[in-house]
Amino acid sequence: MSDRAFELAEIIEHVGSWVEHPLDVSAFLEQFELSPAETTRLRESRRLLALVWLFLLANEETEHPRNPPGAVERQADRVLELLA
């Protein structure tokens, strides 16, 4: 089982949400009325999932890349932004 904040974080931080056609995160989140606790959980979950994606992208097979060049570096920037 999961919760709404974690599920929203999964959508936002999934590599498909930013690698080619970036999701407008602010507009997306405006569709939901989050409680203060959910807002905190969303931020924490986004940090966790951004780190997960960084590890997944960093360990991608170089002979058969699934993501565009520079995706690891862009994800690292996302992680640093979320941790700031």
C-alpha atoms as a PDB file:
ATOM      1  CA  MET A   1       0.000   0.000   0.000  1.00  0.00           C
ATOM      2  CA  SER A   2       1.073   3.531  -0.624  1.00  0.00           C
ATOM      3  CA  ASP A   3      -0.317   6.981  -0.067  1.00  0.00           C
ATOM      4  CA  ARG A   4      -1.320   9.848  -2.299  1.00  0.00           C
ATOM      5  CA  ALA A   5       1.786  11.962  -1.675  1.00  0.00           C
ATOM      6  CA  PHE A   6       4.123   9.093  -2.566  1.00  0.00           C
ATOM      7  CA  GLU A   7       2.146   8.247  -5.706  1.00  0.00           C
ATOM      8  CA  LEU A   8       2.276  11.877  -6.845  1.00  0.00           C
ATOM      9  CA  ALA A   9       6.018  11.914  -6.198  1.00  0.00           C
ATOM     10  CA  GLU A  10       6.408   8.783  -8.338  1.00  0.00           C
ATOM     11  CA  ILE A  11       4.673  10.482 -11.247  1.00  0.00           C
ATOM     12  CA  ILE A  12       6.681  13.695 -10.887  1.00  0.00           C
ATOM     13  CA  GLU A  13      10.071  12.047 -10.469  1.00  0.00           C
ATOM     14  CA  HIS A  14       9.675   9.295 -13.054  1.00  0.00           C
ATOM     15  CA  VAL A  15      12.282   9.843 -15.744  1.00  0.00           C
ATOM     16  CA  GLY A  16       9.516   9.891 -18.357  1.00  0.00           C
ATOM     17  CA  SER A  17       8.060  12.987 -16.707  1.00  0.00           C
ATOM     18  CA  TRP A  18      11.017  15.173 -17.574  1.00  0.00           C
ATOM     19  CA  VAL A  19      13.491  13.609 -19.998  1.00  0.00           C
ATOM     20  CA  GLU A  20      11.802  14.648 -23.274  1.00  0.00           C
ATOM     21  CA  HIS A  21       8.557  16.464 -22.573  1.00  0.00           C
ATOM     22  CA  PRO A  22       8.798  18.014 -19.098  1.00  0.00           C
ATOM     23  CA  LEU A  23       5.769  17.813 -16.870  1.00  0.00           C
ATOM     24  CA  ASP A  24       4.643  21.171 -15.502  1.00  0.00           C
ATOM     25  CA  VAL A  25       4.951  20.105 -11.867  1.00  0.00           C
ATOM     26  CA  SER A  26       3.311  23.215 -10.431  1.00  0.00           C
ATOM     27  CA  ALA A  27       0.282  22.943 -12.721  1.00  0.00           C
ATOM     28  CA  PHE A  28       0.028  19.220 -12.021  1.00  0.00           C
ATOM     29  CA  LEU A  29       0.138  19.662  -8.257  1.00  0.00           C
ATOM     30  CA  GLU A  30      -2.452  22.467  -8.380  1.00  0.00           C
ATOM     31  CA  GLN A  31      -4.973  19.732  -9.215  1.00  0.00           C
ATOM     32  CA  PHE A  32      -4.660  18.344  -5.681  1.00  0.00           C
ATOM     33  CA  GLU A  33      -5.404  19.837  -2.289  1.00  0.00           C
ATOM     34  CA  LEU A  34      -2.566  18.508  -0.167  1.00  0.00           C
ATOM     35  CA  SER A  35      -2.559  18.701   3.600  1.00  0.00           C
ATOM     36  CA  PRO A  36       0.562  20.057   5.310  1.00  0.00           C
ATOM     37  CA  ALA A  37       1.536  16.472   6.185  1.00  0.00           C
ATOM     38  CA  GLU A  38       1.083  15.388   2.552  1.00  0.00           C
ATOM     39  CA  THR A  39       3.168  18.330   1.352  1.00  0.00           C
ATOM     40  CA  THR A  40       5.992  17.264   3.653  1.00  0.00           C
ATOM     41  CA  ARG A  41       5.656  13.624   2.580  1.00  0.00           C
ATOM     42  CA  LEU A  42       5.619  14.682  -1.091  1.00  0.00           C
ATOM     43  CA  ARG A  43       8.902  16.583  -0.679  1.00  0.00           C
ATOM     44  CA  GLU A  44      10.549  13.664   1.148  1.00  0.00           C
ATOM     45  CA  SER A  45       9.247  11.139  -1.373  1.00  0.00           C
ATOM     46  CA  ARG A  46      10.450  13.223  -4.314  1.00  0.00           C
ATOM     47  CA  ARG A  47      13.933  13.306  -2.805  1.00  0.00           C
ATOM     48  CA  LEU A  48      13.947   9.551  -2.317  1.00  0.00           C
ATOM     49  CA  LEU A  49      12.647   8.781  -5.789  1.00  0.00           C
ATOM     50  CA  ALA A  50      15.004  11.246  -7.455  1.00  0.00           C
ATOM     51  CA  LEU A  51      17.900   9.405  -5.806  1.00  0.00           C
ATOM     52  CA  VAL A  52      16.502   6.066  -6.962  1.00  0.00           C
ATOM     53  CA  TRP A  53      16.351   7.356 -10.537  1.00  0.00           C
ATOM     54  CA  LEU A  54      19.880   8.707 -10.282  1.00  0.00           C
ATOM     55  CA  PHE A  55      21.158   5.257  -9.323  1.00  0.00           C
ATOM     56  CA  LEU A  56      19.127   3.580 -12.062  1.00  0.00           C
ATOM     57  CA  LEU A  57      20.325   5.990 -14.728  1.00  0.00           C
ATOM     58  CA  ALA A  58      23.935   5.822 -13.549  1.00  0.00           C
ATOM     59  CA  ASN A  59      23.877   2.027 -13.871  1.00  0.00           C
ATOM     60  CA  GLU A  60      22.382   1.967 -17.356  1.00  0.00           C
ATOM     61  CA  GLU A  61      24.148  -0.280 -19.858  1.00  0.00           C
ATOM     62  CA  THR A  62      26.359   1.919 -22.018  1.00  0.00           C
ATOM     63  CA  GLU A  63      26.058  -0.466 -24.997  1.00  0.00           C
ATOM     64  CA  HIS A  64      22.247  -0.258 -24.972  1.00  0.00           C
ATOM     65  CA  PRO A  65      21.204   3.112 -23.539  1.00  0.00           C
ATOM     66  CA  ARG A  66      17.484   3.623 -22.979  1.00  0.00           C
ATOM     67  CA  ASN A  67      17.732   7.319 -22.183  1.00  0.00           C
ATOM     68  CA  PRO A  68      19.130  10.280 -24.087  1.00  0.00           C
ATOM     69  CA  PRO A  69      22.696  11.464 -23.569  1.00  0.00           C
ATOM     70  CA  GLY A  70      23.080  13.693 -20.515  1.00  0.00           C
ATOM     71  CA  ALA A  71      20.174  12.112 -18.610  1.00  0.00           C
ATOM     72  CA  VAL A  72      22.405  11.133 -15.670  1.00  0.00           C
ATOM     73  CA  GLU A  73      23.786  14.632 -15.354  1.00  0.00           C
ATOM     74  CA  ARG A  74      20.323  16.164 -15.586  1.00  0.00           C
ATOM     75  CA  GLN A  75      19.061  13.780 -12.928  1.00  0.00           C
ATOM     76  CA  ALA A  76      21.992  14.646 -10.668  1.00  0.00           C
ATOM     77  CA  ASP A  77      21.009  18.311 -11.021  1.00  0.00           C
ATOM     78  CA  ARG A  78      17.413  17.416 -10.098  1.00  0.00           C
ATOM     79  CA  VAL A  79      18.616  15.601  -6.989  1.00  0.00           C
ATOM     80  CA  LEU A  80      20.762  18.539  -5.892  1.00  0.00           C
ATOM     81  CA  GLU A  81      17.856  20.934  -6.436  1.00  0.00           C
ATOM     82  CA  LEU A  82      15.521  18.778  -4.346  1.00  0.00           C
ATOM     83  CA  LEU A  83      18.089  18.442  -1.552  1.00  0.00           C
ATOM     84  CA  ALA A  84      18.763  22.192  -1.370  1.00  0.00           C
END
